Amino acid sequence: MDFLDAITLTGLTVFGRHGVFEHERENGQDFIVDLRLHLSVRQAAASDDVADTVHYGELAERVAAVVAGEPVNLLETLATRIADMVLEDERIHGVEVTVHKPHAPIPLTFADVSVTVQRVSHVQREWSEG
């Protein structure tokens, strides 16, 4: 994605009940989300008004609601749901979402498991294709 401006939010930790196994859904665990939003911040920089940009505190709350919400089997599904929700804001041209599952049920020593999805808004796709 060739956008000059970005807002990045990393390390958003939210308890959720996602996973393929029943014990993952029963017990739940922390998931960590990293976001990189691609958008123009020119108007916000000129006005110095939060109304002219993406309020990352409010965005974090919406992302947390997705993670804490309806359980899914796969990190791929969760990351895509987050990306789709983020792109509902037409100011955002693209997003990269990484969902980490540091306590995945893997019977070996490991540091982290994560899935990253990159999406562009349908408005941006239409503009670049037209």
N, C-alpha and C. Protein backbone atom coordinates (compact mmCIF):
# COMPACT_ATOMS: atom_id res chain seq x y z
N MET A 1 0.84 -1.18 0.00
CA MET A 1 0.00 0.00 0.00
C MET A 1 0.89 1.24 0.00
N ASP A 2 0.68 2.11 -0.95
CA ASP A 2 1.52 3.28 -1.10
C ASP A 2 0.83 4.53 -0.54
N PHE A 3 0.61 4.54 0.75
CA PHE A 3 0.03 5.71 1.39
C PHE A 3 1.11 6.36 2.23
N LEU A 4 1.15 7.67 2.22
CA LEU A 4 2.20 8.37 2.93
C LEU A 4 1.96 8.42 4.43
N ASP A 5 0.73 8.46 4.85
CA ASP A 5 0.42 8.66 6.26
C ASP A 5 -0.12 7.38 6.88
N ALA A 6 0.14 7.22 8.16
CA ALA A 6 -0.35 6.03 8.86
C ALA A 6 -0.56 6.35 10.33
N ILE A 7 -1.50 5.67 10.91
CA ILE A 7 -1.69 5.64 12.36
C ILE A 7 -1.48 4.20 12.78
N THR A 8 -0.64 3.99 13.78
CA THR A 8 -0.31 2.65 14.23
C THR A 8 -0.70 2.49 15.69
N LEU A 9 -1.35 1.38 15.98
CA LEU A 9 -1.71 1.01 17.35
C LEU A 9 -1.19 -0.41 17.57
N THR A 10 -0.32 -0.58 18.55
CA THR A 10 0.26 -1.91 18.77
C THR A 10 0.03 -2.36 20.21
N GLY A 11 -0.08 -3.67 20.35
CA GLY A 11 -0.15 -4.26 21.68
C GLY A 11 -1.48 -4.17 22.39
N LEU A 12 -2.57 -3.95 21.64
CA LEU A 12 -3.89 -3.91 22.27
C LEU A 12 -4.24 -5.31 22.75
N THR A 13 -4.31 -5.49 24.05
CA THR A 13 -4.52 -6.81 24.64
C THR A 13 -5.95 -6.94 25.13
N VAL A 14 -6.64 -7.98 24.61
CA VAL A 14 -8.06 -8.16 24.90
C VAL A 14 -8.32 -9.64 25.15
N PHE A 15 -9.11 -9.94 26.17
CA PHE A 15 -9.50 -11.31 26.48
C PHE A 15 -10.58 -11.75 25.50
N GLY A 16 -10.39 -12.93 24.92
CA GLY A 16 -11.38 -13.48 24.00
C GLY A 16 -11.47 -14.98 24.14
N ARG A 17 -12.43 -15.56 23.47
CA ARG A 17 -12.68 -17.01 23.56
C ARG A 17 -12.63 -17.65 22.18
N HIS A 18 -11.57 -17.40 21.46
CA HIS A 18 -11.43 -17.89 20.09
C HIS A 18 -10.54 -19.12 20.05
N GLY A 19 -10.83 -20.00 19.11
CA GLY A 19 -9.99 -21.17 18.91
C GLY A 19 -10.80 -22.35 18.43
N VAL A 20 -10.08 -23.32 17.91
CA VAL A 20 -10.71 -24.53 17.37
C VAL A 20 -11.15 -25.46 18.49
N PHE A 21 -10.41 -25.46 19.60
CA PHE A 21 -10.67 -26.42 20.67
C PHE A 21 -11.68 -25.87 21.68
N GLU A 22 -12.49 -26.78 22.21
CA GLU A 22 -13.51 -26.41 23.19
C GLU A 22 -12.91 -25.73 24.41
N HIS A 23 -11.76 -26.22 24.90
CA HIS A 23 -11.17 -25.62 26.10
C HIS A 23 -10.72 -24.18 25.85
N GLU A 24 -10.39 -23.84 24.61
CA GLU A 24 -10.03 -22.45 24.30
C GLU A 24 -11.24 -21.54 24.44
N ARG A 25 -12.38 -22.04 24.04
CA ARG A 25 -13.60 -21.25 24.14
C ARG A 25 -14.11 -21.17 25.57
N GLU A 26 -13.95 -22.26 26.32
CA GLU A 26 -14.40 -22.26 27.71
C GLU A 26 -13.52 -21.37 28.58
N ASN A 27 -12.21 -21.53 28.46
CA ASN A 27 -11.27 -20.82 29.33
C ASN A 27 -10.92 -19.43 28.82
N GLY A 28 -10.86 -19.26 27.50
CA GLY A 28 -10.46 -17.99 26.93
C GLY A 28 -9.00 -17.69 27.17
N GLN A 29 -8.53 -16.61 26.57
CA GLN A 29 -7.14 -16.17 26.74
C GLN A 29 -7.00 -14.77 26.16
N ASP A 30 -5.85 -14.17 26.42
CA ASP A 30 -5.57 -12.85 25.86
C ASP A 30 -5.12 -12.97 24.41
N PHE A 31 -5.64 -12.06 23.60
CA PHE A 31 -5.21 -11.88 22.22
C PHE A 31 -4.62 -10.48 22.13
N ILE A 32 -3.61 -10.33 21.30
CA ILE A 32 -2.95 -9.04 21.14
C ILE A 32 -3.12 -8.60 19.69
N VAL A 33 -3.56 -7.36 19.51
CA VAL A 33 -3.85 -6.84 18.18
C VAL A 33 -2.95 -5.65 17.88
N ASP A 34 -2.38 -5.67 16.69
CA ASP A 34 -1.62 -4.54 16.15
C ASP A 34 -2.35 -4.05 14.90
N LEU A 35 -2.48 -2.73 14.78
CA LEU A 35 -3.15 -2.13 13.62
C LEU A 35 -2.25 -1.09 12.99
N ARG A 36 -2.30 -1.01 11.68
CA ARG A 36 -1.67 0.09 10.95
C ARG A 36 -2.70 0.58 9.95
N LEU A 37 -3.18 1.80 10.17
CA LEU A 37 -4.19 2.41 9.31
C LEU A 37 -3.50 3.28 8.29
N HIS A 38 -3.91 3.18 7.04
CA HIS A 38 -3.37 4.02 5.97
C HIS A 38 -4.44 5.03 5.59
N LEU A 39 -4.09 6.30 5.72
CA LEU A 39 -5.03 7.38 5.49
C LEU A 39 -4.26 8.68 5.35
N SER A 40 -4.95 9.72 4.97
CA SER A 40 -4.34 11.04 4.94
C SER A 40 -4.60 11.74 6.27
N VAL A 41 -3.56 12.30 6.85
CA VAL A 41 -3.73 13.06 8.08
C VAL A 41 -3.57 14.57 7.83
N ARG A 42 -3.55 14.97 6.58
CA ARG A 42 -3.34 16.39 6.24
C ARG A 42 -4.37 17.32 6.88
N GLN A 43 -5.64 16.96 6.75
CA GLN A 43 -6.69 17.83 7.30
C GLN A 43 -6.56 17.93 8.82
N ALA A 44 -6.31 16.82 9.48
CA ALA A 44 -6.16 16.85 10.94
C ALA A 44 -4.93 17.65 11.34
N ALA A 45 -3.85 17.51 10.60
CA ALA A 45 -2.64 18.26 10.92
C ALA A 45 -2.87 19.76 10.76
N ALA A 46 -3.64 20.14 9.74
CA ALA A 46 -3.91 21.55 9.50
C ALA A 46 -4.86 22.13 10.54
N SER A 47 -5.87 21.37 10.92
CA SER A 47 -6.88 21.89 11.85
C SER A 47 -6.52 21.66 13.31
N ASP A 48 -5.68 20.67 13.57
CA ASP A 48 -5.33 20.26 14.93
C ASP A 48 -6.58 19.86 15.72
N ASP A 49 -7.53 19.24 15.01
CA ASP A 49 -8.81 18.86 15.60
C ASP A 49 -8.99 17.35 15.46
N VAL A 50 -9.23 16.67 16.57
CA VAL A 50 -9.39 15.21 16.56
C VAL A 50 -10.57 14.78 15.69
N ALA A 51 -11.53 15.65 15.49
CA ALA A 51 -12.68 15.31 14.64
C ALA A 51 -12.27 15.10 13.18
N ASP A 52 -11.09 15.58 12.81
CA ASP A 52 -10.62 15.46 11.43
C ASP A 52 -9.70 14.26 11.21
N THR A 53 -9.65 13.37 12.19
CA THR A 53 -8.82 12.18 12.04
C THR A 53 -9.54 10.99 12.68
N VAL A 54 -8.89 9.86 12.67
CA VAL A 54 -9.43 8.68 13.33
C VAL A 54 -9.06 8.76 14.80
N HIS A 55 -10.04 8.75 15.66
CA HIS A 55 -9.81 8.79 17.11
C HIS A 55 -9.36 7.40 17.54
N TYR A 56 -8.07 7.25 17.78
CA TYR A 56 -7.54 5.90 18.03
C TYR A 56 -8.00 5.31 19.34
N GLY A 57 -8.40 6.12 20.30
CA GLY A 57 -8.98 5.59 21.54
C GLY A 57 -10.32 4.92 21.28
N GLU A 58 -11.16 5.59 20.49
CA GLU A 58 -12.46 5.01 20.13
C GLU A 58 -12.27 3.78 19.24
N LEU A 59 -11.31 3.85 18.33
CA LEU A 59 -11.03 2.70 17.47
C LEU A 59 -10.59 1.50 18.31
N ALA A 60 -9.74 1.73 19.29
CA ALA A 60 -9.27 0.64 20.16
C ALA A 60 -10.46 -0.02 20.87
N GLU A 61 -11.42 0.78 21.31
CA GLU A 61 -12.60 0.22 21.97
C GLU A 61 -13.42 -0.64 21.01
N ARG A 62 -13.54 -0.21 19.75
CA ARG A 62 -14.30 -0.99 18.77
C ARG A 62 -13.58 -2.29 18.43
N VAL A 63 -12.27 -2.24 18.31
CA VAL A 63 -11.49 -3.45 18.06
C VAL A 63 -11.63 -4.40 19.25
N ALA A 64 -11.54 -3.87 20.46
CA ALA A 64 -11.68 -4.71 21.66
C ALA A 64 -13.04 -5.39 21.69
N ALA A 65 -14.07 -4.69 21.25
CA ALA A 65 -15.41 -5.29 21.23
C ALA A 65 -15.48 -6.46 20.26
N VAL A 66 -14.78 -6.37 19.13
CA VAL A 66 -14.75 -7.49 18.18
C VAL A 66 -14.03 -8.68 18.80
N VAL A 67 -12.87 -8.43 19.42
CA VAL A 67 -12.09 -9.52 20.01
C VAL A 67 -12.85 -10.16 21.17
N ALA A 68 -13.50 -9.37 21.98
CA ALA A 68 -14.23 -9.89 23.14
C ALA A 68 -15.59 -10.46 22.75
N GLY A 69 -15.99 -10.25 21.51
CA GLY A 69 -17.32 -10.66 21.05
C GLY A 69 -17.41 -12.10 20.62
N GLU A 70 -18.22 -12.34 19.61
CA GLU A 70 -18.54 -13.69 19.15
C GLU A 70 -17.29 -14.50 18.84
N PRO A 71 -17.15 -15.68 19.44
CA PRO A 71 -15.97 -16.52 19.20
C PRO A 71 -15.91 -17.03 17.76
N VAL A 72 -14.68 -17.15 17.26
CA VAL A 72 -14.43 -17.74 15.95
C VAL A 72 -13.36 -18.82 16.12
N ASN A 73 -13.24 -19.68 15.15
CA ASN A 73 -12.24 -20.74 15.21
C ASN A 73 -10.84 -20.23 14.90
N LEU A 74 -10.73 -19.37 13.90
CA LEU A 74 -9.42 -19.04 13.33
C LEU A 74 -9.01 -17.59 13.55
N LEU A 75 -7.71 -17.39 13.74
CA LEU A 75 -7.16 -16.04 13.80
C LEU A 75 -7.41 -15.31 12.48
N GLU A 76 -7.39 -16.04 11.38
CA GLU A 76 -7.65 -15.44 10.07
C GLU A 76 -9.03 -14.79 10.04
N THR A 77 -10.01 -15.46 10.61
CA THR A 77 -11.37 -14.92 10.66
C THR A 77 -11.43 -13.69 11.55
N LEU A 78 -10.80 -13.77 12.70
CA LEU A 78 -10.81 -12.65 13.64
C LEU A 78 -10.12 -11.43 13.03
N ALA A 79 -8.96 -11.61 12.43
CA ALA A 79 -8.24 -10.50 11.81
C ALA A 79 -9.06 -9.87 10.69
N THR A 80 -9.73 -10.69 9.90
CA THR A 80 -10.56 -10.18 8.80
C THR A 80 -11.75 -9.40 9.34
N ARG A 81 -12.37 -9.88 10.40
CA ARG A 81 -13.49 -9.14 11.01
C ARG A 81 -13.04 -7.77 11.50
N ILE A 82 -11.88 -7.73 12.11
CA ILE A 82 -11.34 -6.45 12.59
C ILE A 82 -11.08 -5.53 11.40
N ALA A 83 -10.43 -6.05 10.36
CA ALA A 83 -10.13 -5.23 9.18
C ALA A 83 -11.41 -4.68 8.55
N ASP A 84 -12.41 -5.53 8.41
CA ASP A 84 -13.68 -5.09 7.82
C ASP A 84 -14.31 -3.98 8.65
N MET A 85 -14.27 -4.11 9.98
CA MET A 85 -14.83 -3.08 10.85
C MET A 85 -14.05 -1.77 10.70
N VAL A 86 -12.73 -1.85 10.68
CA VAL A 86 -11.90 -0.65 10.55
C VAL A 86 -12.23 0.08 9.25
N LEU A 87 -12.40 -0.67 8.17
CA LEU A 87 -12.63 -0.06 6.86
C LEU A 87 -14.03 0.51 6.69
N GLU A 88 -14.89 0.36 7.68
CA GLU A 88 -16.19 1.03 7.64
C GLU A 88 -16.02 2.55 7.69
N ASP A 89 -14.90 3.01 8.22
CA ASP A 89 -14.58 4.44 8.25
C ASP A 89 -13.99 4.81 6.89
N GLU A 90 -14.71 5.59 6.10
CA GLU A 90 -14.29 5.90 4.74
C GLU A 90 -13.01 6.72 4.66
N ARG A 91 -12.57 7.30 5.76
CA ARG A 91 -11.30 8.04 5.74
C ARG A 91 -10.11 7.11 5.66
N ILE A 92 -10.32 5.85 6.03
CA ILE A 92 -9.23 4.87 6.06
C ILE A 92 -9.19 4.17 4.70
N HIS A 93 -8.05 4.30 4.03
CA HIS A 93 -7.89 3.72 2.69
C HIS A 93 -7.42 2.28 2.73
N GLY A 94 -6.72 1.92 3.78
CA GLY A 94 -6.21 0.56 3.91
C GLY A 94 -5.86 0.27 5.35
N VAL A 95 -5.75 -1.01 5.67
CA VAL A 95 -5.42 -1.40 7.04
C VAL A 95 -4.61 -2.68 7.02
N GLU A 96 -3.70 -2.76 7.95
CA GLU A 96 -2.98 -4.00 8.23
C GLU A 96 -3.31 -4.39 9.66
N VAL A 97 -3.81 -5.60 9.84
CA VAL A 97 -4.20 -6.10 11.16
C VAL A 97 -3.39 -7.35 11.46
N THR A 98 -2.73 -7.35 12.62
CA THR A 98 -2.06 -8.56 13.09
C THR A 98 -2.71 -8.97 14.40
N VAL A 99 -3.14 -10.22 14.47
CA VAL A 99 -3.69 -10.77 15.71
C VAL A 99 -2.71 -11.82 16.22
N HIS A 100 -2.25 -11.61 17.45
CA HIS A 100 -1.31 -12.52 18.10
C HIS A 100 -2.06 -13.40 19.09
N LYS A 101 -1.64 -14.64 19.16
CA LYS A 101 -2.20 -15.60 20.12
C LYS A 101 -1.02 -16.24 20.85
N PRO A 102 -0.44 -15.52 21.82
CA PRO A 102 0.79 -16.00 22.46
C PRO A 102 0.63 -17.24 23.32
N HIS A 103 -0.61 -17.60 23.63
CA HIS A 103 -0.84 -18.80 24.45
C HIS A 103 -1.59 -19.86 23.66
N ALA A 104 -1.31 -19.94 22.38
CA ALA A 104 -1.95 -20.95 21.53
C ALA A 104 -1.61 -22.34 22.05
N PRO A 105 -2.52 -23.30 21.87
CA PRO A 105 -2.29 -24.65 22.39
C PRO A 105 -1.31 -25.44 21.51
N ILE A 106 -0.05 -25.08 21.63
CA ILE A 106 1.02 -25.77 20.90
C ILE A 106 1.90 -26.44 21.95
N PRO A 107 2.12 -27.74 21.85
CA PRO A 107 2.85 -28.46 22.91
C PRO A 107 4.37 -28.32 22.81
N LEU A 108 4.84 -27.20 22.34
CA LEU A 108 6.27 -26.91 22.25
C LEU A 108 6.51 -25.49 22.75
N THR A 109 7.74 -25.18 23.05
CA THR A 109 8.08 -23.82 23.46
C THR A 109 8.07 -22.91 22.23
N PHE A 110 7.35 -21.81 22.33
CA PHE A 110 7.29 -20.84 21.23
C PHE A 110 7.02 -19.47 21.83
N ALA A 111 7.33 -18.44 21.08
CA ALA A 111 7.15 -17.08 21.57
C ALA A 111 5.78 -16.51 21.20
N ASP A 112 5.28 -16.83 20.02
CA ASP A 112 4.06 -16.20 19.56
C ASP A 112 3.55 -16.90 18.31
N VAL A 113 2.27 -16.79 18.08
CA VAL A 113 1.64 -17.15 16.82
C VAL A 113 0.82 -15.95 16.41
N SER A 114 0.89 -15.56 15.15
CA SER A 114 0.09 -14.43 14.70
C SER A 114 -0.33 -14.61 13.25
N VAL A 115 -1.39 -13.91 12.91
CA VAL A 115 -1.87 -13.84 11.53
C VAL A 115 -2.01 -12.37 11.18
N THR A 116 -1.53 -12.01 10.00
CA THR A 116 -1.63 -10.64 9.52
C THR A 116 -2.45 -10.61 8.24
N VAL A 117 -3.41 -9.70 8.18
CA VAL A 117 -4.17 -9.47 6.95
C VAL A 117 -3.99 -8.01 6.56
N GLN A 118 -3.96 -7.78 5.26
CA GLN A 118 -3.91 -6.42 4.72
C GLN A 118 -5.11 -6.26 3.81
N ARG A 119 -5.82 -5.17 4.00
CA ARG A 119 -7.02 -4.91 3.19
C ARG A 119 -7.03 -3.45 2.77
N VAL A 120 -7.60 -3.20 1.60
CA VAL A 120 -7.85 -1.83 1.16
C VAL A 120 -9.36 -1.64 1.09
N SER A 121 -9.78 -0.41 1.27
CA SER A 121 -11.22 -0.14 1.23
C SER A 121 -11.73 -0.33 -0.19
N HIS A 122 -12.99 -0.68 -0.32
CA HIS A 122 -13.55 -0.86 -1.66
C HIS A 122 -13.55 0.47 -2.39
N VAL A 123 -13.65 1.59 -1.68
CA VAL A 123 -13.58 2.91 -2.30
C VAL A 123 -12.20 3.10 -2.91
N GLN A 124 -11.17 2.72 -2.17
CA GLN A 124 -9.80 2.84 -2.66
C GLN A 124 -9.57 1.92 -3.86
N ARG A 125 -10.09 0.70 -3.81
CA ARG A 125 -9.94 -0.25 -4.93
C ARG A 125 -10.59 0.32 -6.19
N GLU A 126 -11.80 0.86 -6.05
CA GLU A 126 -12.50 1.42 -7.21
C GLU A 126 -11.72 2.59 -7.79
N TRP A 127 -11.14 3.42 -6.93
CA TRP A 127 -10.37 4.57 -7.39
C TRP A 127 -9.12 4.10 -8.13
N SER A 128 -8.41 3.11 -7.59
CA SER A 128 -7.17 2.66 -8.21
C SER A 128 -7.43 1.85 -9.48
N GLU A 129 -8.61 1.23 -9.60
CA GLU A 129 -8.93 0.45 -10.79
C GLU A 129 -9.53 1.31 -11.89
N GLY A 130 -10.06 2.49 -11.52
CA GLY A 130 -10.78 3.32 -12.49
C GLY A 130 -9.92 4.28 -13.12
